PDB file of N, CA and C in Angstrom:
ATOM      1  N   MET A   1     -18.376   1.450  -9.262  1.00  0.00           N
ATOM      2  CA  MET A   1     -17.597   0.237  -9.146  1.00  0.00           C
ATOM      3  C   MET A   1     -16.068   0.757  -9.005  1.00  0.00           C
ATOM      4  N   GLY A   2     -15.376  -0.057  -8.411  1.00  0.00           N
ATOM      5  CA  GLY A   2     -13.934   0.156  -8.188  1.00  0.00           C
ATOM      6  C   GLY A   2     -13.137  -1.016  -8.668  1.00  0.00           C
ATOM      7  N   ASP A   3     -11.886  -1.044  -8.070  1.00  0.00           N
ATOM      8  CA  ASP A   3     -10.846  -1.952  -8.556  1.00  0.00           C
ATOM      9  C   ASP A   3      -9.982  -2.306  -7.367  1.00  0.00           C
ATOM     10  N   ARG A   4      -9.315  -3.386  -7.431  1.00  0.00           N
ATOM     11  CA  ARG A   4      -8.374  -3.895  -6.453  1.00  0.00           C
ATOM     12  C   ARG A   4      -6.967  -3.595  -7.055  1.00  0.00           C
ATOM     13  N   ARG A   5      -6.039  -3.044  -6.180  1.00  0.00           N
ATOM     14  CA  ARG A   5      -4.664  -2.787  -6.566  1.00  0.00           C
ATOM     15  C   ARG A   5      -3.861  -3.297  -5.413  1.00  0.00           C
ATOM     16  N   CYS A   6      -2.827  -3.872  -5.899  1.00  0.00           N
ATOM     17  CA  CYS A   6      -1.818  -4.492  -4.965  1.00  0.00           C
ATOM     18  C   CYS A   6      -0.398  -3.957  -5.232  1.00  0.00           C
ATOM     19  N   PHE A   7       0.346  -3.618  -4.135  1.00  0.00           N
ATOM     20  CA  PHE A   7       1.636  -3.142  -4.231  1.00  0.00           C
ATOM     21  C   PHE A   7       2.643  -3.844  -3.298  1.00  0.00           C
ATOM     22  N   ALA A   8       3.902  -3.742  -3.534  1.00  0.00           N
ATOM     23  CA  ALA A   8       4.891  -4.424  -2.662  1.00  0.00           C
ATOM     24  C   ALA A   8       5.980  -3.329  -2.312  1.00  0.00           C
ATOM     25  N   LEU A   9       6.608  -3.507  -1.110  1.00  0.00           N
ATOM     26  CA  LEU A   9       7.698  -2.661  -0.729  1.00  0.00           C
ATOM     27  C   LEU A   9       8.477  -3.371   0.246  1.00  0.00           C
ATOM     28  N   ASP A  10       9.621  -3.133   0.412  1.00  0.00           N
ATOM     29  CA  ASP A  10      10.560  -3.770   1.461  1.00  0.00           C
ATOM     30  C   ASP A  10      10.814  -2.762   2.618  1.00  0.00           C
ATOM     31  N   LEU A  11      10.964  -3.409   3.778  1.00  0.00           N
ATOM     32  CA  LEU A  11      11.348  -2.484   4.988  1.00  0.00           C
ATOM     33  C   LEU A  11      12.888  -2.751   5.239  1.00  0.00           C
ATOM     34  N   VAL A  12      13.531  -1.764   5.829  1.00  0.00           N
ATOM     35  CA  VAL A  12      14.913  -2.137   6.195  1.00  0.00           C
ATOM     36  C   VAL A  12      14.940  -3.168   7.009  1.00  0.00           C
ATOM     37  N   GLU A  13      15.957  -4.057   6.825  1.00  0.00           N
ATOM     38  CA  GLU A  13      16.063  -5.264   7.637  1.00  0.00           C
ATOM     39  C   GLU A  13      16.646  -4.977   9.041  1.00  0.00           C
ATOM     40  N   ASP A  14      15.808  -4.489   9.887  1.00  0.00           N
ATOM     41  CA  ASP A  14      16.219  -4.118  11.316  1.00  0.00           C
ATOM     42  C   ASP A  14      14.994  -4.399  12.054  1.00  0.00           C
ATOM     43  N   ALA A  15      15.071  -5.381  13.033  1.00  0.00           N
ATOM     44  CA  ALA A  15      13.918  -5.793  13.796  1.00  0.00           C
ATOM     45  C   ALA A  15      13.327  -4.538  14.627  1.00  0.00           C
ATOM     46  N   ASP A  16      14.303  -3.694  15.237  1.00  0.00           N
ATOM     47  CA  ASP A  16      13.645  -2.561  15.845  1.00  0.00           C
ATOM     48  C   ASP A  16      12.836  -1.547  14.923  1.00  0.00           C
ATOM     49  N   LEU A  17      13.358  -1.351  13.797  1.00  0.00           N
ATOM     50  CA  LEU A  17      12.781  -0.513  12.735  1.00  0.00           C
ATOM     51  C   LEU A  17      11.535  -1.222  12.315  1.00  0.00           C
ATOM     52  N   ILE A  18      11.430  -2.382  12.133  1.00  0.00           N
ATOM     53  CA  ILE A  18      10.221  -3.120  11.792  1.00  0.00           C
ATOM     54  C   ILE A  18       9.204  -2.993  12.791  1.00  0.00           C
ATOM     55  N   ALA A  19       9.544  -3.235  13.905  1.00  0.00           N
ATOM     56  CA  ALA A  19       8.638  -3.138  15.108  1.00  0.00           C
ATOM     57  C   ALA A  19       8.061  -1.676  15.097  1.00  0.00           C
ATOM     58  N   ALA A  20       8.908  -0.672  15.060  1.00  0.00           N
ATOM     59  CA  ALA A  20       8.499   0.747  15.019  1.00  0.00           C
ATOM     60  C   ALA A  20       7.567   1.041  13.932  1.00  0.00           C
ATOM     61  N   TYR A  21       7.794   0.508  12.711  1.00  0.00           N
ATOM     62  CA  TYR A  21       6.877   0.643  11.599  1.00  0.00           C
ATOM     63  C   TYR A  21       5.581   0.159  11.790  1.00  0.00           C
ATOM     64  N   GLU A  22       5.384  -1.105  12.383  1.00  0.00           N
ATOM     65  CA  GLU A  22       4.189  -1.731  12.689  1.00  0.00           C
ATOM     66  C   GLU A  22       3.418  -0.891  13.804  1.00  0.00           C
ATOM     67  N   GLN A  23       4.169  -0.345  14.813  1.00  0.00           N
ATOM     68  CA  GLN A  23       3.545   0.583  15.817  1.00  0.00           C
ATOM     69  C   GLN A  23       2.985   1.711  15.102  1.00  0.00           C
ATOM     70  N   ALA A  24       3.676   2.390  14.202  1.00  0.00           N
ATOM     71  CA  ALA A  24       3.090   3.531  13.373  1.00  0.00           C
ATOM     72  C   ALA A  24       1.907   3.253  12.625  1.00  0.00           C
ATOM     73  N   HIS A  25       1.684   2.078  12.409  1.00  0.00           N
ATOM     74  CA  HIS A  25       0.461   1.612  11.636  1.00  0.00           C
ATOM     75  C   HIS A  25      -0.577   0.856  12.371  1.00  0.00           C
ATOM     76  N   ALA A  26      -0.395   0.862  13.588  1.00  0.00           N
ATOM     77  CA  ALA A  26      -1.387   0.140  14.629  1.00  0.00           C
ATOM     78  C   ALA A  26      -2.762   0.908  14.610  1.00  0.00           C
ATOM     79  N   PRO A  27      -3.797   0.283  14.940  1.00  0.00           N
ATOM     80  CA  PRO A  27      -5.100   0.972  14.917  1.00  0.00           C
ATOM     81  C   PRO A  27      -5.049   2.343  15.784  1.00  0.00           C
ATOM     82  N   GLY A  28      -5.412   3.412  15.146  1.00  0.00           N
ATOM     83  CA  GLY A  28      -5.390   4.806  15.851  1.00  0.00           C
ATOM     84  C   GLY A  28      -4.085   5.463  15.865  1.00  0.00           C
ATOM     85  N   ALA A  29      -2.965   4.912  15.331  1.00  0.00           N
ATOM     86  CA  ALA A  29      -1.629   5.429  15.308  1.00  0.00           C
ATOM     87  C   ALA A  29      -1.461   6.287  14.082  1.00  0.00           C
ATOM     88  N   VAL A  30      -1.985   5.904  13.001  1.00  0.00           N
ATOM     89  CA  VAL A  30      -1.798   6.705  11.643  1.00  0.00           C
ATOM     90  C   VAL A  30      -2.428   8.039  11.839  1.00  0.00           C
ATOM     91  N   TRP A  31      -1.668   9.099  11.482  1.00  0.00           N
ATOM     92  CA  TRP A  31      -2.200  10.435  11.522  1.00  0.00           C
ATOM     93  C   TRP A  31      -3.635  10.577  10.850  1.00  0.00           C
ATOM     94  N   PRO A  32      -4.545  11.246  11.614  1.00  0.00           N
ATOM     95  CA  PRO A  32      -5.825  11.346  10.933  1.00  0.00           C
ATOM     96  C   PRO A  32      -5.902  11.961   9.517  1.00  0.00           C
ATOM     97  N   GLY A  33      -4.940  12.925   9.261  1.00  0.00           N
ATOM     98  CA  GLY A  33      -4.892  13.606   8.113  1.00  0.00           C
ATOM     99  C   GLY A  33      -4.319  12.522   6.919  1.00  0.00           C
ATOM    100  N   VAL A  34      -3.513  11.595   7.236  1.00  0.00           N
ATOM    101  CA  VAL A  34      -3.059  10.547   6.254  1.00  0.00           C
ATOM    102  C   VAL A  34      -4.394   9.690   5.975  1.00  0.00           C
ATOM    103  N   THR A  35      -5.212   9.284   6.940  1.00  0.00           N
ATOM    104  CA  THR A  35      -6.345   8.562   6.669  1.00  0.00           C
ATOM    105  C   THR A  35      -7.386   9.317   5.865  1.00  0.00           C
ATOM    106  N   ALA A  36      -7.613  10.573   6.172  1.00  0.00           N
ATOM    107  CA  ALA A  36      -8.373  11.439   5.335  1.00  0.00           C
ATOM    108  C   ALA A  36      -7.927  11.518   3.922  1.00  0.00           C
ATOM    109  N   GLY A  37      -6.597  11.777   3.751  1.00  0.00           N
ATOM    110  CA  GLY A  37      -5.964  11.857   2.418  1.00  0.00           C
ATOM    111  C   GLY A  37      -6.130  10.574   1.549  1.00  0.00           C
ATOM    112  N   LEU A  38      -6.014   9.395   2.230  1.00  0.00           N
ATOM    113  CA  LEU A  38      -6.221   8.139   1.614  1.00  0.00           C
ATOM    114  C   LEU A  38      -7.721   8.083   0.993  1.00  0.00           C
ATOM    115  N   ARG A  39      -8.591   8.475   1.862  1.00  0.00           N
ATOM    116  CA  ARG A  39     -10.131   8.367   1.351  1.00  0.00           C
ATOM    117  C   ARG A  39     -10.246   9.423   0.389  1.00  0.00           C
ATOM    118  N   ALA A  40      -9.727  10.681   0.438  1.00  0.00           N
ATOM    119  CA  ALA A  40     -10.007  11.674  -0.502  1.00  0.00           C
ATOM    120  C   ALA A  40      -9.346  11.169  -1.865  1.00  0.00           C
ATOM    121  N   ALA A  41      -8.290  10.453  -1.788  1.00  0.00           N
ATOM    122  CA  ALA A  41      -7.571  10.046  -3.016  1.00  0.00           C
ATOM    123  C   ALA A  41      -8.389   8.872  -3.821  1.00  0.00           C
ATOM    124  N   GLY A  42      -9.227   8.400  -3.148  1.00  0.00           N
ATOM    125  CA  GLY A  42     -10.060   7.361  -3.817  1.00  0.00           C
ATOM    126  C   GLY A  42      -9.954   5.922  -3.195  1.00  0.00           C
ATOM    127  N   TYR A  43      -9.195   5.792  -2.027  1.00  0.00           N
ATOM    128  CA  TYR A  43      -9.123   4.439  -1.420  1.00  0.00           C
ATOM    129  C   TYR A  43     -10.352   4.228  -0.662  1.00  0.00           C
ATOM    130  N   ARG A  44     -11.055   3.024  -0.950  1.00  0.00           N
ATOM    131  CA  ARG A  44     -12.185   2.679  -0.174  1.00  0.00           C
ATOM    132  C   ARG A  44     -11.802   1.692   1.099  1.00  0.00           C
ATOM    133  N   ALA A  45     -10.756   0.998   0.759  1.00  0.00           N
ATOM    134  CA  ALA A  45     -10.252   0.099   1.857  1.00  0.00           C
ATOM    135  C   ALA A  45      -8.860  -0.236   1.573  1.00  0.00           C
ATOM    136  N   MET A  46      -7.860  -0.519   2.553  1.00  0.00           N
ATOM    137  CA  MET A  46      -6.568  -0.765   2.363  1.00  0.00           C
ATOM    138  C   MET A  46      -6.135  -1.682   3.531  1.00  0.00           C
ATOM    139  N   GLU A  47      -5.254  -2.573   3.200  1.00  0.00           N
ATOM    140  CA  GLU A  47      -4.605  -3.556   4.182  1.00  0.00           C
ATOM    141  C   GLU A  47      -3.195  -3.620   3.773  1.00  0.00           C
ATOM    142  N   ILE A  48      -2.276  -3.582   4.859  1.00  0.00           N
ATOM    143  CA  ILE A  48      -0.926  -3.873   4.463  1.00  0.00           C
ATOM    144  C   ILE A  48      -0.581  -5.119   5.377  1.00  0.00           C
ATOM    145  N   TRP A  49       0.102  -6.146   4.723  1.00  0.00           N
ATOM    146  CA  TRP A  49       0.551  -7.313   5.186  1.00  0.00           C
ATOM    147  C   TRP A  49       1.967  -7.432   5.209  1.00  0.00           C
ATOM    148  N   ARG A  50       2.582  -8.142   6.058  1.00  0.00           N
ATOM    149  CA  ARG A  50       4.052  -8.388   6.254  1.00  0.00           C
ATOM    150  C   ARG A  50       4.499  -9.798   6.380  1.00  0.00           C
ATOM    151  N   VAL A  51       5.585 -10.005   5.672  1.00  0.00           N
ATOM    152  CA  VAL A  51       6.279 -11.276   5.911  1.00  0.00           C
ATOM    153  C   VAL A  51       7.806 -10.959   5.862  1.00  0.00           C
ATOM    154  N   GLY A  52       8.406 -11.218   6.968  1.00  0.00           N
ATOM    155  CA  GLY A  52       9.813 -10.868   7.120  1.00  0.00           C
ATOM    156  C   GLY A  52       9.820  -9.249   6.935  1.00  0.00           C
ATOM    157  N   ASN A  53      10.722  -8.872   5.992  1.00  0.00           N
ATOM    158  CA  ASN A  53      10.769  -7.381   5.795  1.00  0.00           C
ATOM    159  C   ASN A  53       9.958  -6.916   4.460  1.00  0.00           C
ATOM    160  N   ARG A  54       9.136  -7.843   3.907  1.00  0.00           N
ATOM    161  CA  ARG A  54       8.512  -7.620   2.684  1.00  0.00           C
ATOM    162  C   ARG A  54       7.101  -7.122   3.085  1.00  0.00           C
ATOM    163  N   LEU A  55       6.484  -6.058   2.577  1.00  0.00           N
ATOM    164  CA  LEU A  55       5.171  -5.509   2.744  1.00  0.00           C
ATOM    165  C   LEU A  55       4.359  -5.823   1.406  1.00  0.00           C
ATOM    166  N   PHE A  56       3.162  -6.109   1.713  1.00  0.00           N
ATOM    167  CA  PHE A  56       2.201  -6.284   0.543  1.00  0.00           C
ATOM    168  C   PHE A  56       0.911  -5.487   0.841  1.00  0.00           C
ATOM    169  N   MET A  57       0.598  -4.546   0.062  1.00  0.00           N
ATOM    170  CA  MET A  57      -0.599  -3.693   0.134  1.00  0.00           C
ATOM    171  C   MET A  57      -1.728  -4.104  -0.705  1.00  0.00           C
ATOM    172  N   ILE A  58      -2.954  -4.252  -0.150  1.00  0.00           N
ATOM    173  CA  ILE A  58      -4.075  -4.564  -0.944  1.00  0.00           C
ATOM    174  C   ILE A  58      -5.050  -3.425  -0.806  1.00  0.00           C
ATOM    175  N   ALA A  59      -5.374  -2.733  -1.849  1.00  0.00           N
ATOM    176  CA  ALA A  59      -6.220  -1.566  -1.891  1.00  0.00           C
ATOM    177  C   ALA A  59      -7.489  -1.839  -2.724  1.00  0.00           C
ATOM    178  N   GLU A  60      -8.603  -1.374  -2.258  1.00  0.00           N
ATOM    179  CA  GLU A  60      -9.825  -1.231  -2.968  1.00  0.00           C
ATOM    180  C   GLU A  60      -9.919   0.175  -3.331  1.00  0.00           C
ATOM    181  N   VAL A  61     -10.030   0.571  -4.527  1.00  0.00           N
ATOM    182  CA  VAL A  61      -9.907   1.906  -5.011  1.00  0.00           C
ATOM    183  C   VAL A  61     -11.332   2.237  -5.789  1.00  0.00           C
ATOM    184  N   THR A  62     -11.667   3.535  -5.869  1.00  0.00           N
ATOM    185  CA  THR A  62     -12.707   3.890  -6.838  1.00  0.00           C
ATOM    186  C   THR A  62     -12.338   3.890  -8.192  1.00  0.00           C
ATOM    187  N   ALA A  63     -13.293   3.925  -9.020  1.00  0.00           N
ATOM    188  CA  ALA A  63     -13.013   4.059 -10.618  1.00  0.00           C
ATOM    189  C   ALA A  63     -12.212   5.302 -10.916  1.00  0.00           C
ATOM    190  N   GLU A  64     -12.369   6.386 -10.042  1.00  0.00           N
ATOM    191  CA  GLU A  64     -11.600   7.588 -10.389  1.00  0.00           C
ATOM    192  C   GLU A  64     -10.197   7.590  -9.825  1.00  0.00           C
ATOM    193  N   TRP A  65      -9.787   6.722  -8.956  1.00  0.00           N
ATOM    194  CA  TRP A  65      -8.573   6.620  -8.376  1.00  0.00           C
ATOM    195  C   TRP A  65      -7.392   6.738  -9.423  1.00  0.00           C
ATOM    196  N   PRO A  66      -6.269   7.424  -8.983  1.00  0.00           N
ATOM    197  CA  PRO A  66      -6.121   8.295  -7.877  1.00  0.00           C
ATOM    198  C   PRO A  66      -6.705   9.738  -8.136  1.00  0.00           C
ATOM    199  N   LEU A  67      -7.249  10.177  -7.132  1.00  0.00           N
ATOM    200  CA  LEU A  67      -7.841  11.634  -7.202  1.00  0.00           C
ATOM    201  C   LEU A  67      -6.780  12.531  -6.596  1.00  0.00           C
ATOM    202  N   PRO A  68      -6.719  13.785  -7.056  1.00  0.00           N
ATOM    203  CA  PRO A  68      -5.757  14.814  -6.420  1.00  0.00           C
ATOM    204  C   PRO A  68      -6.259  15.134  -5.096  1.00  0.00           C
ATOM    205  N   LEU A  69      -5.107  15.228  -4.244  1.00  0.00           N
ATOM    206  CA  LEU A  69      -5.513  15.834  -2.959  1.00  0.00           C
ATOM    207  C   LEU A  69      -5.561  17.259  -2.704  1.00  0.00           C
ATOM    208  N   PRO A  70      -6.330  17.701  -1.807  1.00  0.00           N
ATOM    209  CA  PRO A  70      -6.369  19.146  -1.458  1.00  0.00           C
ATOM    210  C   PRO A  70      -4.973  19.511  -0.834  1.00  0.00           C
ATOM    211  N   GLU A  71      -4.664  20.701  -0.913  1.00  0.00           N
ATOM    212  CA  GLU A  71      -3.278  21.204  -0.490  1.00  0.00           C
ATOM    213  C   GLU A  71      -2.822  20.617   1.002  1.00  0.00           C
ATOM    214  N   ASP A  72      -3.937  20.925   1.875  1.00  0.00           N
ATOM    215  CA  ASP A  72      -3.692  20.595   3.254  1.00  0.00           C
ATOM    216  C   ASP A  72      -3.359  19.094   3.355  1.00  0.00           C
ATOM    217  N   LEU A  73      -4.181  18.203   2.722  1.00  0.00           N
ATOM    218  CA  LEU A  73      -3.919  16.939   2.922  1.00  0.00           C
ATOM    219  C   LEU A  73      -2.696  16.374   2.106  1.00  0.00           C
ATOM    220  N   GLU A  74      -2.319  17.054   1.043  1.00  0.00           N
ATOM    221  CA  GLU A  74      -1.149  16.757   0.319  1.00  0.00           C
ATOM    222  C   GLU A  74       0.054  17.015   1.172  1.00  0.00           C
ATOM    223  N   ALA A  75       0.067  18.080   1.953  1.00  0.00           N
ATOM    224  CA  ALA A  75       1.065  18.386   2.800  1.00  0.00           C
ATOM    225  C   ALA A  75       1.267  17.382   3.953  1.00  0.00           C
ATOM    226  N   VAL A  76       0.249  16.813   4.499  1.00  0.00           N
ATOM    227  CA  VAL A  76       0.238  15.887   5.519  1.00  0.00           C
ATOM    228  C   VAL A  76       0.781  14.630   4.991  1.00  0.00           C
ATOM    229  N   ASP A  77       0.362  14.269   3.719  1.00  0.00           N
ATOM    230  CA  ASP A  77       0.837  13.124   3.110  1.00  0.00           C
ATOM    231  C   ASP A  77       2.374  13.229   2.847  1.00  0.00           C
ATOM    232  N   GLN A  78       2.950  14.358   2.440  1.00  0.00           N
ATOM    233  CA  GLN A  78       4.367  14.513   2.250  1.00  0.00           C
ATOM    234  C   GLN A  78       5.112  14.332   3.576  1.00  0.00           C
ATOM    235  N   ARG A  79       4.573  14.907   4.608  1.00  0.00           N
ATOM    236  CA  ARG A  79       5.218  14.688   5.916  1.00  0.00           C
ATOM    237  C   ARG A  79       5.142  13.298   6.493  1.00  0.00           C
ATOM    238  N   TRP A  80       4.004  12.626   6.181  1.00  0.00           N
ATOM    239  CA  TRP A  80       3.972  11.122   6.593  1.00  0.00           C
ATOM    240  C   TRP A  80       4.982  10.353   5.700  1.00  0.00           C
ATOM    241  N   GLN A  81       5.100  10.547   4.408  1.00  0.00           N
ATOM    242  CA  GLN A  81       5.988   9.797   3.664  1.00  0.00           C
ATOM    243  C   GLN A  81       7.426  10.084   4.074  1.00  0.00           C
ATOM    244  N   ALA A  82       7.840  11.394   4.333  1.00  0.00           N
ATOM    245  CA  ALA A  82       9.167  11.655   4.822  1.00  0.00           C
ATOM    246  C   ALA A  82       9.437  10.955   6.141  1.00  0.00           C
ATOM    247  N   THR A  83       8.501  10.915   7.010  1.00  0.00           N
ATOM    248  CA  THR A  83       8.553  10.092   8.218  1.00  0.00           C
ATOM    249  C   THR A  83       8.804   8.587   8.093  1.00  0.00           C
ATOM    250  N   MET A  84       8.103   7.970   7.143  1.00  0.00           N
ATOM    251  CA  MET A  84       8.224   6.512   6.858  1.00  0.00           C
ATOM    252  C   MET A  84       9.465   6.121   6.113  1.00  0.00           C
ATOM    253  N   ASP A  85      10.109   7.126   5.449  1.00  0.00           N
ATOM    254  CA  ASP A  85      11.341   6.812   4.606  1.00  0.00           C
ATOM    255  C   ASP A  85      12.394   6.089   5.325  1.00  0.00           C
ATOM    256  N   ARG A  86      12.577   6.363   6.559  1.00  0.00           N
ATOM    257  CA  ARG A  86      13.690   5.657   7.309  1.00  0.00           C
ATOM    258  C   ARG A  86      13.489   4.140   7.510  1.00  0.00           C
ATOM    259  N   PHE A  87      12.161   3.891   7.438  1.00  0.00           N
ATOM    260  CA  PHE A  87      11.781   2.409   7.483  1.00  0.00           C
ATOM    261  C   PHE A  87      11.821   1.659   6.179  1.00  0.00           C
ATOM    262  N   GLN A  88      11.623   2.357   5.082  1.00  0.00           N
ATOM    263  CA  GLN A  88      11.431   1.691   3.827  1.00  0.00           C
ATOM    264  C   GLN A  88      12.530   1.730   2.815  1.00  0.00           C
ATOM    265  N   LYS A  89      12.645   0.652   1.902  1.00  0.00           N
ATOM    266  CA  LYS A  89      13.425   0.601   0.873  1.00  0.00           C
ATOM    267  C   LYS A  89      12.748   0.243  -0.459  1.00  0.00           C
ATOM    268  N   ARG A  90      13.031   0.911  -1.423  1.00  0.00           N
ATOM    269  CA  ARG A  90      12.203   0.626  -2.647  1.00  0.00           C
ATOM    270  C   ARG A  90      12.711  -0.667  -3.340  1.00  0.00           C
ATOM    271  N   LEU A  91      11.780  -1.347  -3.870  1.00  0.00           N
ATOM    272  CA  LEU A  91      12.228  -2.527  -4.692  1.00  0.00           C
ATOM    273  C   LEU A  91      12.903  -2.066  -6.045  1.00  0.00           C
ATOM    274  N   SER A  92      13.714  -2.791  -6.642  1.00  0.00           N
ATOM    275  CA  SER A  92      14.334  -2.444  -7.788  1.00  0.00           C
ATOM    276  C   SER A  92      13.578  -2.238  -9.055  1.00  0.00           C
ATOM    277  N   VAL A  93      12.180  -2.785  -8.882  1.00  0.00           N
ATOM    278  CA  VAL A  93      11.249  -2.783  -9.893  1.00  0.00           C
ATOM    279  C   VAL A  93      10.324  -1.517  -9.613  1.00  0.00           C
ATOM    280  N   SER A  94      10.505  -0.821  -8.564  1.00  0.00           N
ATOM    281  CA  SER A  94       9.576   0.387  -8.310  1.00  0.00           C
ATOM    282  C   SER A  94       9.798   1.439  -9.425  1.00  0.00           C
ATOM    283  N   PRO A  95       8.669   1.977  -9.857  1.00  0.00           N
ATOM    284  CA  PRO A  95       8.692   3.054 -10.808  1.00  0.00           C
ATOM    285  C   PRO A  95       9.532   4.232 -10.229  1.00  0.00           C
ATOM    286  N   ALA A  96      10.206   4.934 -11.115  1.00  0.00           N
ATOM    287  CA  ALA A  96      10.983   6.159 -10.701  1.00  0.00           C
ATOM    288  C   ALA A  96      10.086   7.038  -9.792  1.00  0.00           C
ATOM    289  N   GLY A  97      10.702   7.357  -8.660  1.00  0.00           N
ATOM    290  CA  GLY A  97       9.948   8.300  -7.740  1.00  0.00           C
ATOM    291  C   GLY A  97       8.859   7.545  -6.902  1.00  0.00           C
ATOM    292  N   GLU A  98       8.616   6.367  -7.108  1.00  0.00           N
ATOM    293  CA  GLU A  98       7.512   5.694  -6.275  1.00  0.00           C
ATOM    294  C   GLU A  98       8.131   4.819  -5.246  1.00  0.00           C
ATOM    295  N   LYS A  99       7.513   4.652  -4.023  1.00  0.00           N
ATOM    296  CA  LYS A  99       7.982   3.754  -3.089  1.00  0.00           C
ATOM    297  C   LYS A  99       7.408   2.361  -3.338  1.00  0.00           C
ATOM    298  N   TRP A 100       6.148   2.358  -3.494  1.00  0.00           N
ATOM    299  CA  TRP A 100       5.406   1.075  -3.645  1.00  0.00           C
ATOM    300  C   TRP A 100       5.374   0.523  -5.114  1.00  0.00           C
ATOM    301  N   ALA A 101       5.869  -0.601  -5.291  1.00  0.00           N
ATOM    302  CA  ALA A 101       5.861  -1.209  -6.641  1.00  0.00           C
ATOM    303  C   ALA A 101       4.497  -1.815  -6.925  1.00  0.00           C
ATOM    304  N   PRO A 102       3.887  -1.319  -8.079  1.00  0.00           N
ATOM    305  CA  PRO A 102       2.601  -2.131  -8.364  1.00  0.00           C
ATOM    306  C   PRO A 102       2.789  -3.552  -8.856  1.00  0.00           C
ATOM    307  N   MET A 103       1.945  -4.414  -8.351  1.00  0.00           N
ATOM    308  CA  MET A 103       2.047  -5.792  -8.654  1.00  0.00           C
ATOM    309  C   MET A 103       0.945  -6.137  -9.759  1.00  0.00           C
ATOM    310  N   THR A 104       1.316  -7.201 -10.526  1.00  0.00           N
ATOM    311  CA  THR A 104       0.523  -7.639 -11.641  1.00  0.00           C
ATOM    312  C   THR A 104      -0.201  -9.078 -11.178  1.00  0.00           C
ATOM    313  N   ARG A 105      -1.520  -9.095 -11.156  1.00  0.00           N
ATOM    314  CA  ARG A 105      -2.182 -10.402 -10.812  1.00  0.00           C
ATOM    315  C   ARG A 105      -1.878 -11.370 -11.994  1.00  0.00           C
ATOM    316  N   ILE A 106      -1.513 -12.599 -11.461  1.00  0.00           N
ATOM    317  CA  ILE A 106      -1.180 -13.596 -12.514  1.00  0.00           C
ATOM    318  C   ILE A 106      -2.128 -14.832 -12.297  1.00  0.00           C
ATOM    319  N   TYR A 107      -2.964 -14.719 -11.319  1.00  0.00           N
ATOM    320  CA  TYR A 107      -3.830 -15.948 -10.953  1.00  0.00           C
ATOM    321  C   TYR A 107      -5.021 -15.457 -10.352  1.00  0.00           C
ATOM    322  N   SER A 108      -6.198 -16.058 -10.663  1.00  0.00           N
ATOM    323  CA  SER A 108      -7.493 -15.794  -9.980  1.00  0.00           C
ATOM    324  C   SER A 108      -8.302 -17.188  -9.854  1.00  0.00           C
ATOM    325  N   LEU A 109      -8.550 -17.558  -8.658  1.00  0.00           N
ATOM    326  CA  LEU A 109      -9.275 -18.921  -8.372  1.00  0.00           C
ATOM    327  C   LEU A 109     -10.698 -18.757  -9.325  1.00  0.00           C
ATOM    328  N   ASP A 110     -11.226 -17.626  -9.217  1.00  0.00           N
ATOM    329  CA  ASP A 110     -12.533 -17.421  -9.873  1.00  0.00           C
ATOM    330  C   ASP A 110     -12.393 -17.674 -11.436  1.00  0.00           C
ATOM    331  N   GLU A 111     -11.327 -17.394 -11.960  1.00  0.00           N
ATOM    332  CA  GLU A 111     -11.104 -17.495 -13.339  1.00  0.00           C
ATOM    333  C   GLU A 111     -10.828 -19.001 -13.744  1.00  0.00           C
ATOM    334  N   GLN A 112     -10.572 -19.800 -12.734  1.00  0.00           N
ATOM    335  CA  GLN A 112     -10.295 -21.236 -12.894  1.00  0.00           C
ATOM    336  C   GLN A 112     -11.466 -22.144 -13.040  1.00  0.00           C
ATOM    337  N   ASP A 113     -12.576 -21.722 -12.569  1.00  0.00           N
ATOM    338  CA  ASP A 113     -13.794 -22.423 -12.462  1.00  0.00           C
ATOM    339  C   ASP A 113     -14.167 -22.937 -13.856  1.00  0.00           C
ATOM    340  N   GLY A 114     -14.318 -24.331 -14.006  1.00  0.00           N
ATOM    341  CA  GLY A 114     -14.819 -24.764 -15.295  1.00  0.00           C
ATOM    342  C   GLY A 114     -13.683 -25.148 -16.144  1.00  0.00           C
ATOM    343  N   GLY A 115     -12.500 -25.141 -15.648  1.00  0.00           N
ATOM    344  CA  GLY A 115     -11.246 -25.553 -16.393  1.00  0.00           C
ATOM    345  C   GLY A 115     -10.964 -26.889 -16.194  1.00  0.00           C
ATOM    346  N   ASP A 116      -9.920 -27.369 -16.795  1.00  0.00           N
ATOM    347  CA  ASP A 116      -9.604 -28.748 -16.753  1.00  0.00           C
ATOM    348  C   ASP A 116      -9.194 -29.092 -15.438  1.00  0.00           C
ATOM    349  N   ASP A 117      -9.677 -30.314 -14.863  1.00  0.00           N
ATOM    350  CA  ASP A 117      -9.398 -30.669 -13.583  1.00  0.00           C
ATOM    351  C   ASP A 117      -8.269 -31.495 -13.363  1.00  0.00           C
ATOM    352  N   GLY A 118      -7.335 -31.576 -14.363  1.00  0.00           N
ATOM    353  CA  GLY A 118      -6.001 -32.226 -14.315  1.00  0.00           C
ATOM    354  C   GLY A 118      -6.080 -33.751 -14.375  1.00  0.00           C
ATOM    355  N   VAL A 119      -7.155 -34.322 -14.701  1.00  0.00           N
ATOM    356  CA  VAL A 119      -7.230 -35.843 -14.850  1.00  0.00           C
ATOM    357  C   VAL A 119      -7.326 -36.104 -16.301  1.00  0.00           C
TER     358      VAL A 119
END
């Protein structure tokens, strides 16, 4: 069994950079080593959504997540992160050294079933 994790990040507010960032994440554009590294780290599924310059990542992860990466995949990840740096800006709430700020779930429709219907 795994878990769902959500994260937020902002992009630099520049239409050309945002378009280039989206192109870098288009199907088949992400480096194969990055994809392999994500799977090796325990990601089962991941989506990144955008509104304006705000990104929202939804990740389904294994119970063991995050797993350490082998050296070769760690090197690829570091190069990818360095390449993506020019597009991204950390949120003020991001943990030190982290780009993506973890989000806290505050609502679940499933947890509302059987509650007061407001009448």
